Amino acid sequence: MIIAITNQKGGVGKTTTAINLAAACAEKGKRVLLIDLDPQSNTSLSFVDPDRISLGAYEFFTDTDKSPDSFIYETSVNKLHLIPARINLAKLEAKLIGDFDAAFKLRDRLASVVSSYDLILIDTPPTLGIITVNALVAAKYVLVPIQASYFALEGTDDLLETIEKVRSRPNPELDLLGVLVTMFDRRTTLSRDVEAHIRNVFGPKTFKTLIGRSVRLEESPAHKLPIFDYAPRSSGATEYRELAKEVLKRVEKRTTNRRANAA
């Protein structure tokens, strides 16, 4: 099952969610592959020393002669593997321009890998360019983190429109798994009002779990650790464990419903 974690706005907790949701699902015994498609490489740096990375996501797209396994790295988290990003990923958009199958590169490359994992999570760049479109074409589900701030929904219409365009032709099975409220501050009226507004707009698509503002969550990437290793008893660790439960439950329910409808 492939989930793209996407929002074209930066600073909304997208990468933090990719890192810690992947680690939480692995902690629950799931075989997880995390793919870093953000040229900033923050997801990769949380798990792998950059000196270890000789091949990354850019080569995964472009060097089709090599087996996909050549680009997959083990991490310190049991059952969690990574396809890392390097700075050269910033050149991928230009490289793919003009390719007739540009939007299908990732889907095709993952075809031989997907059966080896229970869950594949993709951390996308904060744009709606061809790299993000590749993630949406390859994925079954989209998870959208939205920060509990004044301009929370700014740009969301563009993202939802892109999802609909992908669904209309290249990937009709793509579904919005849920919207995640991040950087929530229970002490402020603004955060509570924004949360209420998001729930009003997205209804049951909004996850019950709220990811609060947390110093520990902000510190953990600097220590190259997911929150469960850096601060296992922190509120951030508790919240991402709860999110993992919700995500896996939703995926299981929708998979069951799809099978029933197909029968």
C-alpha atoms as a PDB file:
ATOM      1  CA  MET A   1       0.000   0.000   0.000  1.00  0.00           C
ATOM      2  CA  ILE A   2       1.468   3.327  -1.081  1.00  0.00           C
ATOM      3  CA  ILE A   3       0.682   6.627   0.653  1.00  0.00           C
ATOM      4  CA  ALA A   4       1.907  10.007  -0.607  1.00  0.00           C
ATOM      5  CA  ILE A   5       2.332  12.617   2.131  1.00  0.00           C
ATOM      6  CA  THR A   6       1.722  15.852   0.289  1.00  0.00           C
ATOM      7  CA  ASN A   7       1.229  19.571   0.713  1.00  0.00           C
ATOM      8  CA  GLN A   8       2.668  22.183  -1.616  1.00  0.00           C
ATOM      9  CA  LYS A   9       3.140  24.531   1.338  1.00  0.00           C
ATOM     10  CA  GLY A  10       6.377  24.185   3.232  1.00  0.00           C
ATOM     11  CA  GLY A  11       6.642  24.173   7.007  1.00  0.00           C
ATOM     12  CA  VAL A  12       3.421  22.264   7.672  1.00  0.00           C
ATOM     13  CA  GLY A  13       4.992  19.182   9.282  1.00  0.00           C
ATOM     14  CA  LYS A  14       5.046  17.056   6.122  1.00  0.00           C
ATOM     15  CA  THR A  15       8.549  15.680   6.586  1.00  0.00           C
ATOM     16  CA  THR A  16       8.122  15.311  10.358  1.00  0.00           C
ATOM     17  CA  THR A  17       5.003  13.268   9.643  1.00  0.00           C
ATOM     18  CA  ALA A  18       6.741  11.118   7.026  1.00  0.00           C
ATOM     19  CA  ILE A  19       9.615  10.322   9.394  1.00  0.00           C
ATOM     20  CA  ASN A  20       7.566   9.532  12.465  1.00  0.00           C
ATOM     21  CA  LEU A  21       4.604   7.831  10.801  1.00  0.00           C
ATOM     22  CA  ALA A  22       7.036   5.507   9.016  1.00  0.00           C
ATOM     23  CA  ALA A  23       8.846   4.744  12.282  1.00  0.00           C
ATOM     24  CA  ALA A  24       5.568   4.231  14.170  1.00  0.00           C
ATOM     25  CA  CYS A  25       4.270   1.760  11.586  1.00  0.00           C
ATOM     26  CA  ALA A  26       7.588  -0.115  11.646  1.00  0.00           C
ATOM     27  CA  GLU A  27       7.356  -0.194  15.447  1.00  0.00           C
ATOM     28  CA  LYS A  28       4.020  -1.978  14.990  1.00  0.00           C
ATOM     29  CA  GLY A  29       5.760  -4.684  12.977  1.00  0.00           C
ATOM     30  CA  LYS A  30       4.936  -3.423   9.487  1.00  0.00           C
ATOM     31  CA  ARG A  31       7.554  -3.656   6.747  1.00  0.00           C
ATOM     32  CA  VAL A  32       7.905  -0.028   5.676  1.00  0.00           C
ATOM     33  CA  LEU A  33       9.706   1.654   2.795  1.00  0.00           C
ATOM     34  CA  LEU A  34      10.104   5.425   3.107  1.00  0.00           C
ATOM     35  CA  ILE A  35      10.896   7.322  -0.103  1.00  0.00           C
ATOM     36  CA  ASP A  36      12.353  10.815   0.181  1.00  0.00           C
ATOM     37  CA  LEU A  37      11.416  12.861  -2.900  1.00  0.00           C
ATOM     38  CA  ASP A  38      12.155  16.248  -1.327  1.00  0.00           C
ATOM     39  CA  PRO A  39      15.500  17.676  -2.557  1.00  0.00           C
ATOM     40  CA  GLN A  40      16.025  19.223   0.882  1.00  0.00           C
ATOM     41  CA  SER A  41      16.745  15.627   2.021  1.00  0.00           C
ATOM     42  CA  ASN A  42      15.609  16.220   5.611  1.00  0.00           C
ATOM     43  CA  THR A  43      13.879  12.845   5.786  1.00  0.00           C
ATOM     44  CA  SER A  44      17.025  11.095   4.579  1.00  0.00           C
ATOM     45  CA  LEU A  45      19.298  12.948   6.997  1.00  0.00           C
ATOM     46  CA  SER A  46      17.160  11.720   9.887  1.00  0.00           C
ATOM     47  CA  PHE A  47      18.067   8.118   9.121  1.00  0.00           C
ATOM     48  CA  VAL A  48      21.203   7.813   7.005  1.00  0.00           C
ATOM     49  CA  ASP A  49      24.636   9.443   7.095  1.00  0.00           C
ATOM     50  CA  PRO A  50      24.932  11.311   3.764  1.00  0.00           C
ATOM     51  CA  ASP A  51      28.420   9.837   3.278  1.00  0.00           C
ATOM     52  CA  ARG A  52      26.749   6.413   2.999  1.00  0.00           C
ATOM     53  CA  ILE A  53      24.543   7.486   0.104  1.00  0.00           C
ATOM     54  CA  SER A  54      26.014   6.716  -3.302  1.00  0.00           C
ATOM     55  CA  LEU A  55      22.707   6.174  -5.079  1.00  0.00           C
ATOM     56  CA  GLY A  56      19.447   7.912  -4.217  1.00  0.00           C
ATOM     57  CA  ALA A  57      16.040   8.913  -5.502  1.00  0.00           C
ATOM     58  CA  TYR A  58      17.397  10.751  -8.554  1.00  0.00           C
ATOM     59  CA  GLU A  59      19.181   7.611  -9.739  1.00  0.00           C
ATOM     60  CA  PHE A  60      16.129   5.504  -8.823  1.00  0.00           C
ATOM     61  CA  PHE A  61      14.190   7.465 -11.448  1.00  0.00           C
ATOM     62  CA  THR A  62      16.896   7.725 -14.084  1.00  0.00           C
ATOM     63  CA  ASP A  63      19.144   4.650 -13.843  1.00  0.00           C
ATOM     64  CA  THR A  64      16.681   1.949 -14.857  1.00  0.00           C
ATOM     65  CA  ASP A  65      19.412  -0.600 -15.586  1.00  0.00           C
ATOM     66  CA  LYS A  66      20.010  -1.100 -11.878  1.00  0.00           C
ATOM     67  CA  SER A  67      17.729  -3.185  -9.688  1.00  0.00           C
ATOM     68  CA  PRO A  68      15.474  -1.127  -7.367  1.00  0.00           C
ATOM     69  CA  ASP A  69      17.171  -2.882  -4.439  1.00  0.00           C
ATOM     70  CA  SER A  70      20.365  -0.957  -5.290  1.00  0.00           C
ATOM     71  CA  PHE A  71      18.736   2.244  -4.050  1.00  0.00           C
ATOM     72  CA  ILE A  72      17.206   0.935  -0.815  1.00  0.00           C
ATOM     73  CA  TYR A  73      19.062   1.476   2.477  1.00  0.00           C
ATOM     74  CA  GLU A  74      18.498  -0.071   5.862  1.00  0.00           C
ATOM     75  CA  THR A  75      17.937   2.323   8.761  1.00  0.00           C
ATOM     76  CA  SER A  76      18.478   2.040  12.492  1.00  0.00           C
ATOM     77  CA  VAL A  77      14.738   1.346  12.853  1.00  0.00           C
ATOM     78  CA  ASN A  78      13.891  -2.335  12.515  1.00  0.00           C
ATOM     79  CA  LYS A  79      11.736  -3.083   9.436  1.00  0.00           C
ATOM     80  CA  LEU A  80      12.131   0.458   8.084  1.00  0.00           C
ATOM     81  CA  HIS A  81      14.011   0.934   4.801  1.00  0.00           C
ATOM     82  CA  LEU A  82      14.723   4.157   2.919  1.00  0.00           C
ATOM     83  CA  ILE A  83      15.242   5.424  -0.619  1.00  0.00           C
ATOM     84  CA  PRO A  84      17.101   8.636   0.232  1.00  0.00           C
ATOM     85  CA  ALA A  85      17.253  11.986  -1.527  1.00  0.00           C
ATOM     86  CA  ARG A  86      20.392  13.880  -2.425  1.00  0.00           C
ATOM     87  CA  ILE A  87      20.812  17.429  -3.670  1.00  0.00           C
ATOM     88  CA  ASN A  88      20.907  16.173  -7.275  1.00  0.00           C
ATOM     89  CA  LEU A  89      17.192  15.386  -6.969  1.00  0.00           C
ATOM     90  CA  ALA A  90      16.638  19.087  -7.666  1.00  0.00           C
ATOM     91  CA  LYS A  91      17.626  18.345 -11.293  1.00  0.00           C
ATOM     92  CA  LEU A  92      14.947  15.683 -11.770  1.00  0.00           C
ATOM     93  CA  GLU A  93      12.137  18.022 -12.859  1.00  0.00           C
ATOM     94  CA  ALA A  94      14.260  19.313 -15.767  1.00  0.00           C
ATOM     95  CA  LYS A  95      15.410  15.777 -16.607  1.00  0.00           C
ATOM     96  CA  LEU A  96      11.839  14.505 -16.963  1.00  0.00           C
ATOM     97  CA  ILE A  97      10.539  17.370 -19.089  1.00  0.00           C
ATOM     98  CA  GLY A  98       9.556  16.049 -22.508  1.00  0.00           C
ATOM     99  CA  ASP A  99       9.436  12.359 -21.526  1.00  0.00           C
ATOM    100  CA  PHE A 100       6.090  11.000 -22.725  1.00  0.00           C
ATOM    101  CA  ASP A 101       5.845   8.745 -19.664  1.00  0.00           C
ATOM    102  CA  ALA A 102       7.274  11.285 -17.195  1.00  0.00           C
ATOM    103  CA  ALA A 103       4.366  10.984 -14.725  1.00  0.00           C
ATOM    104  CA  PHE A 104       4.638   7.179 -14.582  1.00  0.00           C
ATOM    105  CA  LYS A 105       8.334   6.755 -13.789  1.00  0.00           C
ATOM    106  CA  LEU A 106       7.915   6.131 -10.055  1.00  0.00           C
ATOM    107  CA  ARG A 107       4.938   3.808 -10.460  1.00  0.00           C
ATOM    108  CA  ASP A 108       6.857   1.680 -12.955  1.00  0.00           C
ATOM    109  CA  ARG A 109       9.992   1.536 -10.800  1.00  0.00           C
ATOM    110  CA  LEU A 110       8.039   0.508  -7.701  1.00  0.00           C
ATOM    111  CA  ALA A 111       6.163  -2.301  -9.457  1.00  0.00           C
ATOM    112  CA  SER A 112       8.783  -4.903  -8.508  1.00  0.00           C
ATOM    113  CA  VAL A 113       9.216  -3.560  -4.967  1.00  0.00           C
ATOM    114  CA  VAL A 114       5.706  -3.022  -3.650  1.00  0.00           C
ATOM    115  CA  SER A 115       5.057  -6.661  -2.712  1.00  0.00           C
ATOM    116  CA  SER A 116       8.084  -6.652  -0.367  1.00  0.00           C
ATOM    117  CA  TYR A 117       6.503  -4.080   1.961  1.00  0.00           C
ATOM    118  CA  ASP A 118       3.295  -3.664   3.923  1.00  0.00           C
ATOM    119  CA  LEU A 119       3.473   0.099   3.508  1.00  0.00           C
ATOM    120  CA  ILE A 120       5.345   2.537   1.276  1.00  0.00           C
ATOM    121  CA  LEU A 121       5.345   6.194   2.361  1.00  0.00           C
ATOM    122  CA  ILE A 122       6.457   8.985   0.032  1.00  0.00           C
ATOM    123  CA  ASP A 123       7.632  12.358   1.327  1.00  0.00           C
ATOM    124  CA  THR A 124       6.990  14.756  -1.560  1.00  0.00           C
ATOM    125  CA  PRO A 125       8.534  18.177  -2.248  1.00  0.00           C
ATOM    126  CA  PRO A 126       6.512  21.292  -1.325  1.00  0.00           C
ATOM    127  CA  THR A 127       5.442  21.846  -4.938  1.00  0.00           C
ATOM    128  CA  LEU A 128       2.885  20.459  -7.379  1.00  0.00           C
ATOM    129  CA  GLY A 129       5.466  19.675 -10.057  1.00  0.00           C
ATOM    130  CA  ILE A 130       6.213  16.439 -11.880  1.00  0.00           C
ATOM    131  CA  ILE A 131       7.888  14.805  -8.859  1.00  0.00           C
ATOM    132  CA  THR A 132       4.749  15.225  -6.743  1.00  0.00           C
ATOM    133  CA  VAL A 133       2.609  14.080  -9.682  1.00  0.00           C
ATOM    134  CA  ASN A 134       4.760  10.934  -9.885  1.00  0.00           C
ATOM    135  CA  ALA A 135       4.022  10.251  -6.215  1.00  0.00           C
ATOM    136  CA  LEU A 136       0.276  10.722  -6.774  1.00  0.00           C
ATOM    137  CA  VAL A 137       0.261   8.451  -9.826  1.00  0.00           C
ATOM    138  CA  ALA A 138       2.097   5.730  -7.881  1.00  0.00           C
ATOM    139  CA  ALA A 139       0.054   6.020  -4.666  1.00  0.00           C
ATOM    140  CA  LYS A 140      -3.231   4.526  -3.561  1.00  0.00           C
ATOM    141  CA  TYR A 141      -3.770   7.196  -0.912  1.00  0.00           C
ATOM    142  CA  VAL A 142      -2.861  10.795  -0.116  1.00  0.00           C
ATOM    143  CA  LEU A 143      -2.302  12.122   3.401  1.00  0.00           C
ATOM    144  CA  VAL A 144      -2.363  15.927   3.661  1.00  0.00           C
ATOM    145  CA  PRO A 145      -0.808  17.629   6.717  1.00  0.00           C
ATOM    146  CA  ILE A 146      -2.251  21.088   7.390  1.00  0.00           C
ATOM    147  CA  GLN A 147      -0.781  23.444   9.971  1.00  0.00           C
ATOM    148  CA  ALA A 148      -3.182  24.917  12.532  1.00  0.00           C
ATOM    149  CA  SER A 149      -2.459  28.491  11.488  1.00  0.00           C
ATOM    150  CA  TYR A 150      -4.322  31.458  10.040  1.00  0.00           C
ATOM    151  CA  PHE A 151      -3.520  30.614   6.402  1.00  0.00           C
ATOM    152  CA  ALA A 152      -3.991  26.879   6.932  1.00  0.00           C
ATOM    153  CA  LEU A 153      -6.125  26.160   3.869  1.00  0.00           C
ATOM    154  CA  GLU A 154      -4.282  28.495   1.515  1.00  0.00           C
ATOM    155  CA  GLY A 155      -3.337  26.520  -1.588  1.00  0.00           C
ATOM    156  CA  THR A 156      -5.319  23.446  -0.567  1.00  0.00           C
ATOM    157  CA  ASP A 157      -7.717  23.951  -3.487  1.00  0.00           C
ATOM    158  CA  ASP A 158      -4.790  23.664  -5.911  1.00  0.00           C
ATOM    159  CA  LEU A 159      -3.673  20.408  -4.272  1.00  0.00           C
ATOM    160  CA  LEU A 160      -7.176  18.929  -4.355  1.00  0.00           C
ATOM    161  CA  GLU A 161      -7.521  19.955  -8.004  1.00  0.00           C
ATOM    162  CA  THR A 162      -4.245  18.185  -8.824  1.00  0.00           C
ATOM    163  CA  ILE A 163      -5.461  15.067  -7.005  1.00  0.00           C
ATOM    164  CA  GLU A 164      -8.676  15.148  -9.055  1.00  0.00           C
ATOM    165  CA  LYS A 165      -6.736  15.514 -12.312  1.00  0.00           C
ATOM    166  CA  VAL A 166      -4.554  12.525 -11.426  1.00  0.00           C
ATOM    167  CA  ARG A 167      -7.644  10.554 -10.443  1.00  0.00           C
ATOM    168  CA  SER A 168      -9.444  11.398 -13.687  1.00  0.00           C
ATOM    169  CA  ARG A 169      -6.899   9.644 -15.905  1.00  0.00           C
ATOM    170  CA  PRO A 170      -3.557   8.210 -14.783  1.00  0.00           C
ATOM    171  CA  ASN A 171      -4.653   6.893 -11.364  1.00  0.00           C
ATOM    172  CA  PRO A 172      -8.427   6.508 -10.883  1.00  0.00           C
ATOM    173  CA  GLU A 173      -7.862   4.568  -7.636  1.00  0.00           C
ATOM    174  CA  LEU A 174      -6.188   7.510  -5.868  1.00  0.00           C
ATOM    175  CA  ASP A 175      -8.054   8.428  -2.701  1.00  0.00           C
ATOM    176  CA  LEU A 176      -7.673  11.060   0.009  1.00  0.00           C
ATOM    177  CA  LEU A 177      -6.859   8.984   3.071  1.00  0.00           C
ATOM    178  CA  GLY A 178      -7.106  11.922   5.411  1.00  0.00           C
ATOM    179  CA  VAL A 179      -6.147  15.410   6.515  1.00  0.00           C
ATOM    180  CA  LEU A 180      -3.852  15.765   9.521  1.00  0.00           C
ATOM    181  CA  VAL A 181      -3.871  18.865  11.708  1.00  0.00           C
ATOM    182  CA  THR A 182      -0.275  19.642  12.718  1.00  0.00           C
ATOM    183  CA  MET A 183       1.471  22.177  14.976  1.00  0.00           C
ATOM    184  CA  PHE A 184      -1.698  22.423  17.023  1.00  0.00           C
ATOM    185  CA  ASP A 185      -1.464  24.612  20.136  1.00  0.00           C
ATOM    186  CA  ARG A 186      -4.220  23.747  22.593  1.00  0.00           C
ATOM    187  CA  ARG A 187      -3.554  26.959  24.513  1.00  0.00           C
ATOM    188  CA  THR A 188      -4.652  29.287  21.713  1.00  0.00           C
ATOM    189  CA  THR A 189      -8.107  30.115  20.433  1.00  0.00           C
ATOM    190  CA  LEU A 190      -6.681  30.450  16.914  1.00  0.00           C
ATOM    191  CA  SER A 191      -5.519  26.816  16.799  1.00  0.00           C
ATOM    192  CA  ARG A 192      -8.859  25.580  18.070  1.00  0.00           C
ATOM    193  CA  ASP A 193     -10.742  27.736  15.551  1.00  0.00           C
ATOM    194  CA  VAL A 194      -8.561  26.549  12.666  1.00  0.00           C
ATOM    195  CA  GLU A 195      -9.013  22.920  13.705  1.00  0.00           C
ATOM    196  CA  ALA A 196     -12.795  23.399  13.776  1.00  0.00           C
ATOM    197  CA  HIS A 197     -12.683  25.000  10.330  1.00  0.00           C
ATOM    198  CA  ILE A 198     -10.595  22.148   8.883  1.00  0.00           C
ATOM    199  CA  ARG A 199     -13.003  19.590  10.331  1.00  0.00           C
ATOM    200  CA  ASN A 200     -15.922  21.551   8.894  1.00  0.00           C
ATOM    201  CA  VAL A 201     -14.331  21.541   5.425  1.00  0.00           C
ATOM    202  CA  PHE A 202     -13.067  17.948   5.345  1.00  0.00           C
ATOM    203  CA  GLY A 203     -15.479  16.245   7.749  1.00  0.00           C
ATOM    204  CA  PRO A 204     -14.606  12.631   8.604  1.00  0.00           C
ATOM    205  CA  LYS A 205     -11.572  12.804   6.316  1.00  0.00           C
ATOM    206  CA  THR A 206      -9.866  14.739   9.137  1.00  0.00           C
ATOM    207  CA  PHE A 207      -7.879  12.458  11.437  1.00  0.00           C
ATOM    208  CA  LYS A 208      -8.951  12.467  15.065  1.00  0.00           C
ATOM    209  CA  THR A 209      -5.314  12.630  16.108  1.00  0.00           C
ATOM    210  CA  LEU A 210      -3.864  16.110  16.450  1.00  0.00           C
ATOM    211  CA  ILE A 211      -0.111  16.681  16.226  1.00  0.00           C
ATOM    212  CA  GLY A 212       0.717  19.381  18.746  1.00  0.00           C
ATOM    213  CA  ARG A 213       3.570  21.841  18.760  1.00  0.00           C
ATOM    214  CA  SER A 214       6.484  20.112  20.428  1.00  0.00           C
ATOM    215  CA  VAL A 215      10.052  21.109  21.178  1.00  0.00           C
ATOM    216  CA  ARG A 216      10.997  17.420  21.174  1.00  0.00           C
ATOM    217  CA  LEU A 217       9.590  16.923  17.670  1.00  0.00           C
ATOM    218  CA  GLU A 218      11.573  19.914  16.461  1.00  0.00           C
ATOM    219  CA  GLU A 219      14.790  18.678  18.110  1.00  0.00           C
ATOM    220  CA  SER A 220      14.688  15.030  17.042  1.00  0.00           C
ATOM    221  CA  PRO A 221      15.786  15.525  13.379  1.00  0.00           C
ATOM    222  CA  ALA A 222      18.922  17.339  14.566  1.00  0.00           C
ATOM    223  CA  HIS A 223      19.806  14.175  16.484  1.00  0.00           C
ATOM    224  CA  LYS A 224      19.029  12.012  13.408  1.00  0.00           C
ATOM    225  CA  LEU A 225      16.388  10.092  15.331  1.00  0.00           C
ATOM    226  CA  PRO A 226      12.645   9.566  15.033  1.00  0.00           C
ATOM    227  CA  ILE A 227      10.732  10.834  18.037  1.00  0.00           C
ATOM    228  CA  PHE A 228      10.332   7.302  19.466  1.00  0.00           C
ATOM    229  CA  ASP A 229      14.079   6.970  19.947  1.00  0.00           C
ATOM    230  CA  TYR A 230      14.781  10.577  20.892  1.00  0.00           C
ATOM    231  CA  ALA A 231      11.904  11.158  23.326  1.00  0.00           C
ATOM    232  CA  PRO A 232       9.779   7.987  23.556  1.00  0.00           C
ATOM    233  CA  ARG A 233       7.558   9.321  26.359  1.00  0.00           C
ATOM    234  CA  SER A 234       6.925  12.724  24.805  1.00  0.00           C
ATOM    235  CA  SER A 235       3.556  13.944  23.594  1.00  0.00           C
ATOM    236  CA  GLY A 236       4.860  13.831  20.015  1.00  0.00           C
ATOM    237  CA  ALA A 237       5.673  10.131  20.304  1.00  0.00           C
ATOM    238  CA  THR A 238       2.224   9.399  21.739  1.00  0.00           C
ATOM    239  CA  GLU A 239       0.496  11.382  18.992  1.00  0.00           C
ATOM    240  CA  TYR A 240       2.350   9.740  16.124  1.00  0.00           C
ATOM    241  CA  ARG A 241       1.660   6.302  17.570  1.00  0.00           C
ATOM    242  CA  GLU A 242      -2.044   7.219  17.650  1.00  0.00           C
ATOM    243  CA  LEU A 243      -1.842   8.498  14.082  1.00  0.00           C
ATOM    244  CA  ALA A 244      -0.256   5.217  12.953  1.00  0.00           C
ATOM    245  CA  LYS A 245      -3.187   3.328  14.472  1.00  0.00           C
ATOM    246  CA  GLU A 246      -5.657   5.556  12.624  1.00  0.00           C
ATOM    247  CA  VAL A 247      -3.813   5.306   9.313  1.00  0.00           C
ATOM    248  CA  LEU A 248      -3.508   1.522   9.429  1.00  0.00           C
ATOM    249  CA  LYS A 249      -7.149   1.166  10.468  1.00  0.00           C
ATOM    250  CA  ARG A 250      -8.339   3.382   7.606  1.00  0.00           C
ATOM    251  CA  VAL A 251      -6.198   1.547   5.072  1.00  0.00           C
ATOM    252  CA  GLU A 252      -7.449  -1.824   6.296  1.00  0.00           C
ATOM    253  CA  LYS A 253     -11.081  -0.697   6.191  1.00  0.00           C
ATOM    254  CA  ARG A 254     -10.829   0.759   2.690  1.00  0.00           C
ATOM    255  CA  THR A 255      -8.950  -2.270   1.390  1.00  0.00           C
ATOM    256  CA  THR A 256     -11.711  -4.517   2.750  1.00  0.00           C
ATOM    257  CA  ASN A 257     -14.392  -2.322   1.176  1.00  0.00           C
ATOM    258  CA  ARG A 258     -12.630  -2.354  -2.203  1.00  0.00           C
ATOM    259  CA  ARG A 259     -12.395  -6.131  -2.164  1.00  0.00           C
ATOM    260  CA  ALA A 260     -16.069  -6.421  -1.227  1.00  0.00           C
ATOM    261  CA  ASN A 261     -17.087  -4.063  -4.040  1.00  0.00           C
ATOM    262  CA  ALA A 262     -14.969  -5.979  -6.533  1.00  0.00           C
ATOM    263  CA  ALA A 263     -16.472  -9.344  -5.538  1.00  0.00           C
END
